[in-house]
Amino acid sequence: MIRVGNILVSDEIAENDFVCNLEKCKGACCVEGELGAPLEEDELDILRAIYEDVKPFLTSEGIKAIEDQGLYILDEDGDYSTPTIGGRECAYAVYDERGVLQCGIERAYNAGKINWKKPISCHLYPIRVLKKRNLEALNYHRWEICSPACELGKQLKVPVYRFLREALIRKYGEAWYSELEAQINERLAQ
């Protein structure tokens, strides 16, 4: 375990390789699972503020799911997540011409319509954040649908933390990431 401030980072994030391979998985993480994407409470206001700018980038099915369920849902555990279409794909997900799921929010971001990329849980995946009092634990989430990403990561020799550099900096800042990298490099040197 690596500790950077109040953040505990699983060794697996440094030891395992990972590079998303959308050509192989087709964005399965946007459709598999029991719920939509986990949301942090501060992201709820963001979704309310950007929805009208994101709406043109969504499918009619996604818009209907959002209109029926709301911009986000509160589950039985008291956690927020994105609504889904028929209990399957995230309502904000969109299939491209190749049949690959992409984030409609991210499409709006890439088009310059909004300045928020996507929910941080999506940006950080395959890292999952567990919050306990004043600590956060970052864990590597293994999922069979990500086997192609693990294979590509090994081939390219890109560890999880490096693949997720942008997302980790977005969440915790440049100084935090630099400290994480320094600690990992120090371990590797030993």
N, C-alpha and C. Protein backbone atom coordinates (compact mmCIF):
# COMPACT_ATOMS: atom_id res chain seq x y z
N MET A 1 0.84 -1.18 0.00
CA MET A 1 0.00 0.00 0.00
C MET A 1 0.89 1.24 0.00
N ILE A 2 0.51 2.21 -0.79
CA ILE A 2 1.22 3.48 -0.89
C ILE A 2 0.31 4.55 -0.29
N ARG A 3 0.89 5.43 0.52
CA ARG A 3 0.09 6.50 1.10
C ARG A 3 0.63 7.84 0.63
N VAL A 4 -0.26 8.62 0.03
CA VAL A 4 0.07 9.98 -0.39
C VAL A 4 -0.96 10.89 0.27
N GLY A 5 -0.56 11.60 1.30
CA GLY A 5 -1.50 12.41 2.07
C GLY A 5 -2.53 11.50 2.72
N ASN A 6 -3.79 11.81 2.54
CA ASN A 6 -4.87 10.99 3.10
C ASN A 6 -5.41 9.98 2.09
N ILE A 7 -4.63 9.69 1.06
CA ILE A 7 -5.06 8.77 0.01
C ILE A 7 -4.19 7.52 0.07
N LEU A 8 -4.85 6.37 0.23
CA LEU A 8 -4.16 5.08 0.20
C LEU A 8 -4.31 4.50 -1.20
N VAL A 9 -3.20 4.10 -1.77
CA VAL A 9 -3.19 3.59 -3.15
C VAL A 9 -2.76 2.13 -3.12
N SER A 10 -3.59 1.26 -3.64
CA SER A 10 -3.27 -0.16 -3.72
C SER A 10 -2.01 -0.37 -4.56
N ASP A 11 -1.17 -1.30 -4.12
CA ASP A 11 0.03 -1.65 -4.88
C ASP A 11 -0.31 -2.11 -6.29
N GLU A 12 -1.49 -2.70 -6.46
CA GLU A 12 -1.89 -3.21 -7.78
C GLU A 12 -1.96 -2.10 -8.83
N ILE A 13 -2.21 -0.86 -8.40
CA ILE A 13 -2.29 0.26 -9.33
C ILE A 13 -0.92 0.56 -9.92
N ALA A 14 0.13 0.26 -9.16
CA ALA A 14 1.50 0.45 -9.65
C ALA A 14 2.02 -0.80 -10.36
N GLU A 15 1.53 -1.96 -9.95
CA GLU A 15 2.10 -3.22 -10.44
C GLU A 15 1.41 -3.80 -11.67
N ASN A 16 0.20 -3.38 -11.97
CA ASN A 16 -0.55 -3.93 -13.10
C ASN A 16 -0.58 -2.95 -14.26
N ASP A 17 -0.60 -3.51 -15.45
CA ASP A 17 -0.63 -2.69 -16.67
C ASP A 17 -2.05 -2.62 -17.21
N PHE A 18 -2.35 -1.49 -17.87
CA PHE A 18 -3.71 -1.27 -18.35
C PHE A 18 -3.72 -0.14 -19.37
N VAL A 19 -4.32 -0.38 -20.53
CA VAL A 19 -4.60 0.65 -21.53
C VAL A 19 -5.92 0.28 -22.18
N CYS A 20 -6.94 1.13 -22.02
CA CYS A 20 -8.25 0.83 -22.61
C CYS A 20 -8.09 0.44 -24.07
N ASN A 21 -8.81 -0.59 -24.46
CA ASN A 21 -8.78 -1.07 -25.83
C ASN A 21 -10.21 -1.12 -26.35
N LEU A 22 -10.74 0.05 -26.67
CA LEU A 22 -12.15 0.18 -27.07
C LEU A 22 -12.49 -0.61 -28.33
N GLU A 23 -11.53 -0.82 -29.18
CA GLU A 23 -11.79 -1.61 -30.38
C GLU A 23 -12.17 -3.05 -30.02
N LYS A 24 -11.65 -3.54 -28.91
CA LYS A 24 -11.93 -4.92 -28.48
C LYS A 24 -13.15 -5.00 -27.55
N CYS A 25 -13.21 -4.11 -26.55
CA CYS A 25 -14.28 -4.23 -25.55
C CYS A 25 -15.54 -3.49 -25.95
N LYS A 26 -15.44 -2.55 -26.87
CA LYS A 26 -16.58 -1.76 -27.36
C LYS A 26 -17.22 -0.90 -26.28
N GLY A 27 -16.46 -0.57 -25.23
CA GLY A 27 -17.00 0.28 -24.16
C GLY A 27 -17.94 -0.46 -23.24
N ALA A 28 -17.66 -1.74 -23.03
CA ALA A 28 -18.56 -2.59 -22.23
C ALA A 28 -18.78 -2.07 -20.81
N CYS A 29 -17.82 -1.31 -20.27
CA CYS A 29 -17.99 -0.80 -18.90
C CYS A 29 -19.14 0.19 -18.81
N CYS A 30 -19.59 0.73 -19.94
CA CYS A 30 -20.73 1.66 -19.95
C CYS A 30 -22.07 0.92 -19.98
N VAL A 31 -22.03 -0.40 -20.16
CA VAL A 31 -23.27 -1.16 -20.28
C VAL A 31 -23.38 -2.29 -19.26
N GLU A 32 -22.26 -2.83 -18.82
CA GLU A 32 -22.28 -3.95 -17.88
C GLU A 32 -22.40 -3.45 -16.44
N GLY A 33 -22.87 -4.30 -15.58
CA GLY A 33 -22.99 -3.93 -14.17
C GLY A 33 -24.43 -3.76 -13.75
N GLU A 34 -24.61 -3.47 -12.48
CA GLU A 34 -25.95 -3.38 -11.92
C GLU A 34 -26.53 -1.97 -11.96
N LEU A 35 -25.66 -0.96 -11.96
CA LEU A 35 -26.09 0.44 -11.93
C LEU A 35 -25.33 1.23 -12.98
N GLY A 36 -25.68 2.51 -13.10
CA GLY A 36 -24.93 3.39 -13.97
C GLY A 36 -23.61 3.78 -13.31
N ALA A 37 -22.98 4.80 -13.84
CA ALA A 37 -21.69 5.26 -13.30
C ALA A 37 -21.87 5.90 -11.93
N PRO A 38 -21.02 5.55 -10.97
CA PRO A 38 -21.08 6.20 -9.66
C PRO A 38 -20.82 7.70 -9.81
N LEU A 39 -21.56 8.50 -9.03
CA LEU A 39 -21.41 9.95 -9.05
C LEU A 39 -21.07 10.46 -7.66
N GLU A 40 -20.23 11.47 -7.60
CA GLU A 40 -19.95 12.15 -6.34
C GLU A 40 -21.01 13.24 -6.16
N GLU A 41 -21.29 13.61 -4.92
CA GLU A 41 -22.35 14.59 -4.66
C GLU A 41 -22.12 15.91 -5.37
N ASP A 42 -20.87 16.37 -5.46
CA ASP A 42 -20.63 17.65 -6.12
C ASP A 42 -20.87 17.57 -7.64
N GLU A 43 -20.94 16.36 -8.18
CA GLU A 43 -21.20 16.21 -9.61
C GLU A 43 -22.69 16.36 -9.95
N LEU A 44 -23.55 16.26 -8.97
CA LEU A 44 -24.99 16.38 -9.22
C LEU A 44 -25.34 17.78 -9.72
N ASP A 45 -24.78 18.80 -9.08
CA ASP A 45 -25.02 20.18 -9.53
C ASP A 45 -24.44 20.40 -10.92
N ILE A 46 -23.30 19.78 -11.18
CA ILE A 46 -22.69 19.91 -12.51
C ILE A 46 -23.61 19.32 -13.57
N LEU A 47 -24.15 18.13 -13.31
CA LEU A 47 -25.07 17.51 -14.27
C LEU A 47 -26.29 18.39 -14.53
N ARG A 48 -26.82 18.99 -13.47
CA ARG A 48 -27.97 19.89 -13.65
C ARG A 48 -27.59 21.09 -14.52
N ALA A 49 -26.40 21.63 -14.30
CA ALA A 49 -25.97 22.82 -15.04
C ALA A 49 -25.66 22.55 -16.51
N ILE A 50 -25.17 21.37 -16.83
CA ILE A 50 -24.71 21.10 -18.21
C ILE A 50 -25.70 20.30 -19.05
N TYR A 51 -26.75 19.79 -18.44
CA TYR A 51 -27.61 18.84 -19.16
C TYR A 51 -28.11 19.37 -20.50
N GLU A 52 -28.58 20.59 -20.56
CA GLU A 52 -29.12 21.11 -21.82
C GLU A 52 -28.05 21.16 -22.91
N ASP A 53 -26.80 21.38 -22.53
CA ASP A 53 -25.70 21.39 -23.52
C ASP A 53 -25.28 19.98 -23.91
N VAL A 54 -25.51 19.01 -23.04
CA VAL A 54 -25.16 17.61 -23.30
C VAL A 54 -26.26 16.91 -24.10
N LYS A 55 -27.49 17.31 -23.87
CA LYS A 55 -28.66 16.63 -24.46
C LYS A 55 -28.54 16.38 -25.96
N PRO A 56 -28.06 17.34 -26.78
CA PRO A 56 -27.93 17.07 -28.22
C PRO A 56 -26.96 15.94 -28.56
N PHE A 57 -26.12 15.55 -27.62
CA PHE A 57 -25.13 14.50 -27.86
C PHE A 57 -25.62 13.12 -27.40
N LEU A 58 -26.84 13.05 -26.91
CA LEU A 58 -27.39 11.80 -26.37
C LEU A 58 -28.36 11.16 -27.35
N THR A 59 -28.63 9.89 -27.13
CA THR A 59 -29.62 9.19 -27.95
C THR A 59 -31.02 9.52 -27.43
N SER A 60 -32.02 9.28 -28.26
CA SER A 60 -33.41 9.50 -27.81
C SER A 60 -33.74 8.57 -26.65
N GLU A 61 -33.20 7.35 -26.66
CA GLU A 61 -33.42 6.42 -25.55
C GLU A 61 -32.79 6.93 -24.26
N GLY A 62 -31.59 7.49 -24.38
CA GLY A 62 -30.91 8.05 -23.22
C GLY A 62 -31.67 9.24 -22.65
N ILE A 63 -32.15 10.11 -23.53
CA ILE A 63 -32.92 11.27 -23.09
C ILE A 63 -34.20 10.83 -22.38
N LYS A 64 -34.87 9.84 -22.94
CA LYS A 64 -36.10 9.33 -22.31
C LYS A 64 -35.80 8.74 -20.93
N ALA A 65 -34.73 7.97 -20.82
CA ALA A 65 -34.35 7.39 -19.53
C ALA A 65 -34.08 8.49 -18.50
N ILE A 66 -33.41 9.55 -18.93
CA ILE A 66 -33.11 10.67 -18.04
C ILE A 66 -34.39 11.40 -17.66
N GLU A 67 -35.27 11.60 -18.63
CA GLU A 67 -36.54 12.28 -18.33
C GLU A 67 -37.41 11.44 -17.39
N ASP A 68 -37.36 10.12 -17.53
CA ASP A 68 -38.15 9.23 -16.66
C ASP A 68 -37.56 9.07 -15.27
N GLN A 69 -36.23 8.95 -15.19
CA GLN A 69 -35.55 8.63 -13.93
C GLN A 69 -34.90 9.82 -13.25
N GLY A 70 -34.59 10.84 -14.03
CA GLY A 70 -33.86 11.99 -13.52
C GLY A 70 -32.43 11.99 -14.03
N LEU A 71 -31.73 13.09 -13.82
CA LEU A 71 -30.34 13.22 -14.29
C LEU A 71 -29.41 12.24 -13.60
N TYR A 72 -29.81 11.78 -12.40
CA TYR A 72 -29.06 10.82 -11.60
C TYR A 72 -30.05 10.11 -10.70
N ILE A 73 -29.63 8.99 -10.16
CA ILE A 73 -30.51 8.23 -9.25
C ILE A 73 -29.79 8.02 -7.92
N LEU A 74 -30.57 7.81 -6.89
CA LEU A 74 -30.05 7.48 -5.56
C LEU A 74 -30.38 6.02 -5.32
N ASP A 75 -29.36 5.19 -5.10
CA ASP A 75 -29.61 3.76 -4.93
C ASP A 75 -29.94 3.42 -3.48
N GLU A 76 -30.21 2.15 -3.24
CA GLU A 76 -30.60 1.69 -1.91
C GLU A 76 -29.51 1.84 -0.87
N ASP A 77 -28.26 2.00 -1.30
CA ASP A 77 -27.14 2.19 -0.36
C ASP A 77 -26.89 3.67 -0.07
N GLY A 78 -27.68 4.55 -0.70
CA GLY A 78 -27.49 5.98 -0.49
C GLY A 78 -26.43 6.60 -1.39
N ASP A 79 -26.06 5.89 -2.46
CA ASP A 79 -25.06 6.39 -3.40
C ASP A 79 -25.75 6.86 -4.67
N TYR A 80 -25.15 7.84 -5.33
CA TYR A 80 -25.70 8.37 -6.58
C TYR A 80 -25.03 7.72 -7.77
N SER A 81 -25.79 7.56 -8.84
CA SER A 81 -25.23 7.05 -10.09
C SER A 81 -26.05 7.58 -11.25
N THR A 82 -25.53 7.39 -12.44
CA THR A 82 -26.26 7.81 -13.63
C THR A 82 -27.41 6.84 -13.87
N PRO A 83 -28.50 7.33 -14.48
CA PRO A 83 -29.59 6.41 -14.83
C PRO A 83 -29.15 5.50 -15.98
N THR A 84 -29.88 4.42 -16.16
CA THR A 84 -29.56 3.48 -17.24
C THR A 84 -30.76 3.33 -18.16
N ILE A 85 -30.49 2.81 -19.33
CA ILE A 85 -31.53 2.50 -20.30
C ILE A 85 -31.90 1.04 -20.11
N GLY A 86 -33.09 0.80 -19.60
CA GLY A 86 -33.56 -0.58 -19.40
C GLY A 86 -32.67 -1.40 -18.49
N GLY A 87 -32.04 -0.75 -17.51
CA GLY A 87 -31.15 -1.49 -16.60
C GLY A 87 -29.85 -1.95 -17.24
N ARG A 88 -29.51 -1.37 -18.38
CA ARG A 88 -28.29 -1.77 -19.09
C ARG A 88 -27.33 -0.59 -19.22
N GLU A 89 -27.17 -0.05 -20.44
CA GLU A 89 -26.17 0.98 -20.62
C GLU A 89 -26.54 2.29 -19.95
N CYS A 90 -25.50 3.02 -19.60
CA CYS A 90 -25.65 4.35 -19.01
C CYS A 90 -26.46 5.22 -19.96
N ALA A 91 -27.38 6.00 -19.41
CA ALA A 91 -28.24 6.86 -20.23
C ALA A 91 -27.42 7.93 -20.98
N TYR A 92 -26.22 8.21 -20.50
CA TYR A 92 -25.36 9.21 -21.15
C TYR A 92 -24.45 8.59 -22.21
N ALA A 93 -24.51 7.28 -22.40
CA ALA A 93 -23.65 6.59 -23.37
C ALA A 93 -24.27 6.63 -24.76
N VAL A 94 -23.39 6.66 -25.75
CA VAL A 94 -23.80 6.76 -27.14
C VAL A 94 -22.94 5.79 -27.96
N TYR A 95 -23.57 5.01 -28.83
CA TYR A 95 -22.80 4.15 -29.73
C TYR A 95 -22.30 4.96 -30.91
N ASP A 96 -21.02 4.79 -31.26
CA ASP A 96 -20.52 5.46 -32.45
C ASP A 96 -20.76 4.56 -33.67
N GLU A 97 -20.28 5.00 -34.81
CA GLU A 97 -20.53 4.29 -36.07
C GLU A 97 -19.88 2.90 -36.10
N ARG A 98 -18.93 2.64 -35.20
CA ARG A 98 -18.26 1.33 -35.14
C ARG A 98 -18.89 0.41 -34.09
N GLY A 99 -19.95 0.90 -33.42
CA GLY A 99 -20.59 0.11 -32.38
C GLY A 99 -19.89 0.20 -31.04
N VAL A 100 -19.04 1.22 -30.86
CA VAL A 100 -18.32 1.42 -29.61
C VAL A 100 -19.06 2.45 -28.78
N LEU A 101 -19.31 2.12 -27.52
CA LEU A 101 -19.96 3.06 -26.61
C LEU A 101 -18.99 4.17 -26.22
N GLN A 102 -19.48 5.38 -26.28
CA GLN A 102 -18.73 6.55 -25.85
C GLN A 102 -19.61 7.37 -24.93
N CYS A 103 -19.01 8.27 -24.19
CA CYS A 103 -19.75 9.11 -23.26
C CYS A 103 -20.28 10.34 -23.99
N GLY A 104 -21.59 10.55 -23.93
CA GLY A 104 -22.19 11.74 -24.53
C GLY A 104 -21.71 13.01 -23.84
N ILE A 105 -21.47 12.93 -22.55
CA ILE A 105 -20.94 14.08 -21.81
C ILE A 105 -19.55 14.43 -22.36
N GLU A 106 -18.72 13.41 -22.55
CA GLU A 106 -17.38 13.65 -23.08
C GLU A 106 -17.42 14.17 -24.50
N ARG A 107 -18.38 13.73 -25.27
CA ARG A 107 -18.53 14.25 -26.64
C ARG A 107 -18.85 15.75 -26.61
N ALA A 108 -19.73 16.15 -25.69
CA ALA A 108 -20.04 17.58 -25.54
C ALA A 108 -18.81 18.36 -25.10
N TYR A 109 -18.03 17.77 -24.21
CA TYR A 109 -16.77 18.38 -23.74
C TYR A 109 -15.80 18.54 -24.91
N ASN A 110 -15.63 17.47 -25.70
CA ASN A 110 -14.70 17.51 -26.84
C ASN A 110 -15.15 18.50 -27.90
N ALA A 111 -16.45 18.75 -27.98
CA ALA A 111 -16.99 19.72 -28.94
C ALA A 111 -16.92 21.15 -28.41
N GLY A 112 -16.42 21.32 -27.18
CA GLY A 112 -16.28 22.65 -26.60
C GLY A 112 -17.57 23.23 -26.04
N LYS A 113 -18.57 22.41 -25.83
CA LYS A 113 -19.87 22.88 -25.33
C LYS A 113 -19.90 23.00 -23.81
N ILE A 114 -19.08 22.21 -23.12
CA ILE A 114 -19.01 22.22 -21.66
C ILE A 114 -17.55 22.11 -21.24
N ASN A 115 -17.27 22.40 -19.96
CA ASN A 115 -15.88 22.31 -19.50
C ASN A 115 -15.67 21.21 -18.47
N TRP A 116 -16.58 20.25 -18.43
CA TRP A 116 -16.49 19.10 -17.52
C TRP A 116 -16.43 17.85 -18.38
N LYS A 117 -15.38 17.05 -18.23
CA LYS A 117 -15.14 15.93 -19.14
C LYS A 117 -16.14 14.79 -19.01
N LYS A 118 -16.35 14.32 -17.80
CA LYS A 118 -17.26 13.21 -17.52
C LYS A 118 -17.18 12.92 -16.03
N PRO A 119 -18.07 12.06 -15.51
CA PRO A 119 -17.95 11.72 -14.09
C PRO A 119 -16.56 11.18 -13.76
N ILE A 120 -16.05 11.58 -12.62
CA ILE A 120 -14.68 11.19 -12.25
C ILE A 120 -14.56 9.67 -12.11
N SER A 121 -15.64 8.99 -11.72
CA SER A 121 -15.56 7.53 -11.60
C SER A 121 -15.29 6.88 -12.96
N CYS A 122 -15.83 7.46 -14.02
CA CYS A 122 -15.58 6.94 -15.37
C CYS A 122 -14.15 7.27 -15.80
N HIS A 123 -13.72 8.48 -15.51
CA HIS A 123 -12.38 8.90 -15.91
C HIS A 123 -11.30 8.10 -15.18
N LEU A 124 -11.57 7.73 -13.94
CA LEU A 124 -10.59 6.98 -13.14
C LEU A 124 -10.61 5.46 -13.40
N TYR A 125 -11.61 4.96 -14.10
CA TYR A 125 -11.72 3.50 -14.22
C TYR A 125 -10.50 2.92 -14.93
N PRO A 126 -9.87 1.84 -14.41
CA PRO A 126 -10.34 0.80 -13.51
C PRO A 126 -10.03 1.03 -12.02
N ILE A 127 -9.76 2.27 -11.65
CA ILE A 127 -9.60 2.55 -10.22
C ILE A 127 -10.98 2.86 -9.64
N ARG A 128 -11.25 2.26 -8.50
CA ARG A 128 -12.46 2.57 -7.74
C ARG A 128 -12.03 3.21 -6.43
N VAL A 129 -12.75 4.25 -6.02
CA VAL A 129 -12.44 5.00 -4.82
C VAL A 129 -13.38 4.58 -3.69
N LEU A 130 -12.79 4.22 -2.58
CA LEU A 130 -13.55 3.88 -1.37
C LEU A 130 -13.25 4.95 -0.34
N LYS A 131 -14.30 5.61 0.15
CA LYS A 131 -14.13 6.70 1.12
C LYS A 131 -14.47 6.20 2.51
N LYS A 132 -13.57 6.46 3.44
CA LYS A 132 -13.76 6.10 4.85
C LYS A 132 -13.32 7.28 5.69
N ARG A 133 -14.26 7.89 6.38
CA ARG A 133 -13.97 9.05 7.23
C ARG A 133 -13.11 10.06 6.49
N ASN A 134 -11.88 10.27 6.95
CA ASN A 134 -11.01 11.28 6.31
C ASN A 134 -9.97 10.65 5.39
N LEU A 135 -10.17 9.38 5.03
CA LEU A 135 -9.26 8.69 4.11
C LEU A 135 -10.00 8.25 2.85
N GLU A 136 -9.24 8.12 1.77
CA GLU A 136 -9.76 7.52 0.56
C GLU A 136 -8.80 6.39 0.18
N ALA A 137 -9.37 5.29 -0.27
CA ALA A 137 -8.56 4.17 -0.73
C ALA A 137 -8.81 3.98 -2.23
N LEU A 138 -7.74 3.92 -2.99
CA LEU A 138 -7.83 3.70 -4.43
C LEU A 138 -7.49 2.23 -4.69
N ASN A 139 -8.45 1.53 -5.27
CA ASN A 139 -8.28 0.10 -5.53
C ASN A 139 -8.41 -0.18 -7.02
N TYR A 140 -7.66 -1.17 -7.45
CA TYR A 140 -7.71 -1.62 -8.84
C TYR A 140 -8.87 -2.59 -8.98
N HIS A 141 -9.81 -2.26 -9.85
CA HIS A 141 -10.99 -3.10 -10.05
C HIS A 141 -10.75 -4.02 -11.24
N ARG A 142 -10.70 -5.32 -10.97
CA ARG A 142 -10.52 -6.31 -12.04
C ARG A 142 -11.89 -6.74 -12.56
N TRP A 143 -11.99 -6.78 -13.89
CA TRP A 143 -13.25 -7.15 -14.51
C TRP A 143 -12.92 -7.84 -15.82
N GLU A 144 -13.52 -8.98 -16.05
CA GLU A 144 -13.22 -9.78 -17.24
C GLU A 144 -13.36 -8.97 -18.54
N ILE A 145 -14.31 -8.05 -18.57
CA ILE A 145 -14.51 -7.27 -19.81
C ILE A 145 -13.30 -6.40 -20.14
N CYS A 146 -12.42 -6.20 -19.17
CA CYS A 146 -11.23 -5.37 -19.39
C CYS A 146 -9.99 -6.20 -19.72
N SER A 147 -10.15 -7.48 -19.98
CA SER A 147 -9.00 -8.31 -20.35
C SER A 147 -8.22 -7.74 -21.54
N PRO A 148 -8.90 -7.24 -22.58
CA PRO A 148 -8.14 -6.64 -23.69
C PRO A 148 -7.30 -5.43 -23.24
N ALA A 149 -7.80 -4.67 -22.28
CA ALA A 149 -7.05 -3.52 -21.77
C ALA A 149 -5.81 -3.96 -20.99
N CYS A 150 -5.95 -5.05 -20.26
CA CYS A 150 -4.81 -5.60 -19.52
C CYS A 150 -3.75 -6.11 -20.48
N GLU A 151 -4.19 -6.79 -21.53
CA GLU A 151 -3.26 -7.31 -22.53
C GLU A 151 -2.53 -6.17 -23.25
N LEU A 152 -3.28 -5.14 -23.65
CA LEU A 152 -2.66 -4.01 -24.34
C LEU A 152 -1.71 -3.27 -23.41
N GLY A 153 -2.11 -3.10 -22.16
CA GLY A 153 -1.24 -2.45 -21.17
C GLY A 153 0.07 -3.19 -21.01
N LYS A 154 0.00 -4.53 -20.94
CA LYS A 154 1.23 -5.34 -20.82
C LYS A 154 2.10 -5.19 -22.07
N GLN A 155 1.46 -5.22 -23.21
CA GLN A 155 2.19 -5.09 -24.47
C GLN A 155 2.91 -3.74 -24.54
N LEU A 156 2.24 -2.68 -24.11
CA LEU A 156 2.81 -1.33 -24.17
C LEU A 156 3.60 -0.96 -22.91
N LYS A 157 3.53 -1.83 -21.87
CA LYS A 157 4.22 -1.60 -20.60
C LYS A 157 3.78 -0.28 -19.94
N VAL A 158 2.45 -0.14 -19.80
CA VAL A 158 1.88 1.07 -19.19
C VAL A 158 1.13 0.68 -17.93
N PRO A 159 1.67 1.02 -16.76
CA PRO A 159 0.96 0.70 -15.52
C PRO A 159 -0.32 1.54 -15.36
N VAL A 160 -1.22 1.02 -14.56
CA VAL A 160 -2.53 1.66 -14.35
C VAL A 160 -2.36 3.13 -13.99
N TYR A 161 -1.50 3.44 -13.02
CA TYR A 161 -1.37 4.83 -12.56
C TYR A 161 -0.90 5.76 -13.68
N ARG A 162 -0.08 5.25 -14.59
CA ARG A 162 0.39 6.09 -15.69
C ARG A 162 -0.70 6.27 -16.75
N PHE A 163 -1.45 5.20 -17.01
CA PHE A 163 -2.56 5.30 -17.96
C PHE A 163 -3.58 6.33 -17.46
N LEU A 164 -3.77 6.38 -16.15
CA LEU A 164 -4.77 7.27 -15.56
C LEU A 164 -4.19 8.58 -15.03
N ARG A 165 -3.03 8.96 -15.52
CA ARG A 165 -2.35 10.18 -15.06
C ARG A 165 -3.30 11.39 -15.10
N GLU A 166 -3.91 11.65 -16.24
CA GLU A 166 -4.79 12.82 -16.40
C GLU A 166 -5.94 12.77 -15.38
N ALA A 167 -6.56 11.62 -15.21
CA ALA A 167 -7.69 11.49 -14.29
C ALA A 167 -7.23 11.66 -12.84
N LEU A 168 -6.10 11.09 -12.49
CA LEU A 168 -5.59 11.22 -11.12
C LEU A 168 -5.22 12.67 -10.81
N ILE A 169 -4.64 13.36 -11.77
CA ILE A 169 -4.33 14.78 -11.58
C ILE A 169 -5.62 15.59 -11.48
N ARG A 170 -6.59 15.27 -12.30
CA ARG A 170 -7.89 15.96 -12.22
C ARG A 170 -8.49 15.82 -10.83
N LYS A 171 -8.39 14.64 -10.25
CA LYS A 171 -9.00 14.36 -8.94
C LYS A 171 -8.17 14.90 -7.78
N TYR A 172 -6.86 14.68 -7.81
CA TYR A 172 -6.03 14.96 -6.64
C TYR A 172 -4.97 16.05 -6.84
N GLY A 173 -4.73 16.47 -8.07
CA GLY A 173 -3.77 17.54 -8.32
C GLY A 173 -2.41 17.04 -8.78
N GLU A 174 -1.68 17.94 -9.40
CA GLU A 174 -0.36 17.64 -9.98
C GLU A 174 0.65 17.26 -8.90
N ALA A 175 0.66 17.99 -7.78
CA ALA A 175 1.62 17.71 -6.71
C ALA A 175 1.38 16.32 -6.12
N TRP A 176 0.11 15.97 -5.94
CA TRP A 176 -0.22 14.65 -5.41
C TRP A 176 0.28 13.56 -6.36
N TYR A 177 0.01 13.74 -7.65
CA TYR A 177 0.44 12.74 -8.62
C TYR A 177 1.96 12.61 -8.66
N SER A 178 2.65 13.73 -8.59
CA SER A 178 4.12 13.70 -8.59
C SER A 178 4.64 12.92 -7.38
N GLU A 179 4.01 13.10 -6.23
CA GLU A 179 4.41 12.37 -5.03
C GLU A 179 4.14 10.87 -5.20
N LEU A 180 2.99 10.52 -5.78
CA LEU A 180 2.68 9.11 -6.05
C LEU A 180 3.75 8.51 -6.95
N GLU A 181 4.06 9.19 -8.02
CA GLU A 181 5.06 8.70 -8.97
C GLU A 181 6.43 8.55 -8.30
N ALA A 182 6.80 9.51 -7.47
CA ALA A 182 8.09 9.45 -6.77
C ALA A 182 8.14 8.24 -5.85
N GLN A 183 7.05 7.99 -5.12
CA GLN A 183 7.03 6.83 -4.22
C GLN A 183 7.10 5.52 -5.00
N ILE A 184 6.41 5.45 -6.12
CA ILE A 184 6.44 4.23 -6.94
C ILE A 184 7.86 4.02 -7.49
N ASN A 185 8.47 5.09 -8.00
CA ASN A 185 9.82 4.98 -8.54
C ASN A 185 10.82 4.57 -7.47
N GLU A 186 10.65 5.09 -6.26
CA GLU A 186 11.52 4.72 -5.15
C GLU A 186 11.39 3.24 -4.83
N ARG A 187 10.17 2.73 -4.84
CA ARG A 187 9.95 1.29 -4.59
C ARG A 187 10.61 0.45 -5.67
N LEU A 188 10.47 0.88 -6.91
CA LEU A 188 11.05 0.12 -8.03
C LEU A 188 12.57 0.10 -7.96
N ALA A 189 13.15 1.17 -7.44
CA ALA A 189 14.61 1.27 -7.35
C ALA A 189 15.18 0.36 -6.26
N GLN A 190 14.36 -0.05 -5.30
CA GLN A 190 14.84 -0.88 -4.19
C GLN A 190 14.96 -2.33 -4.58
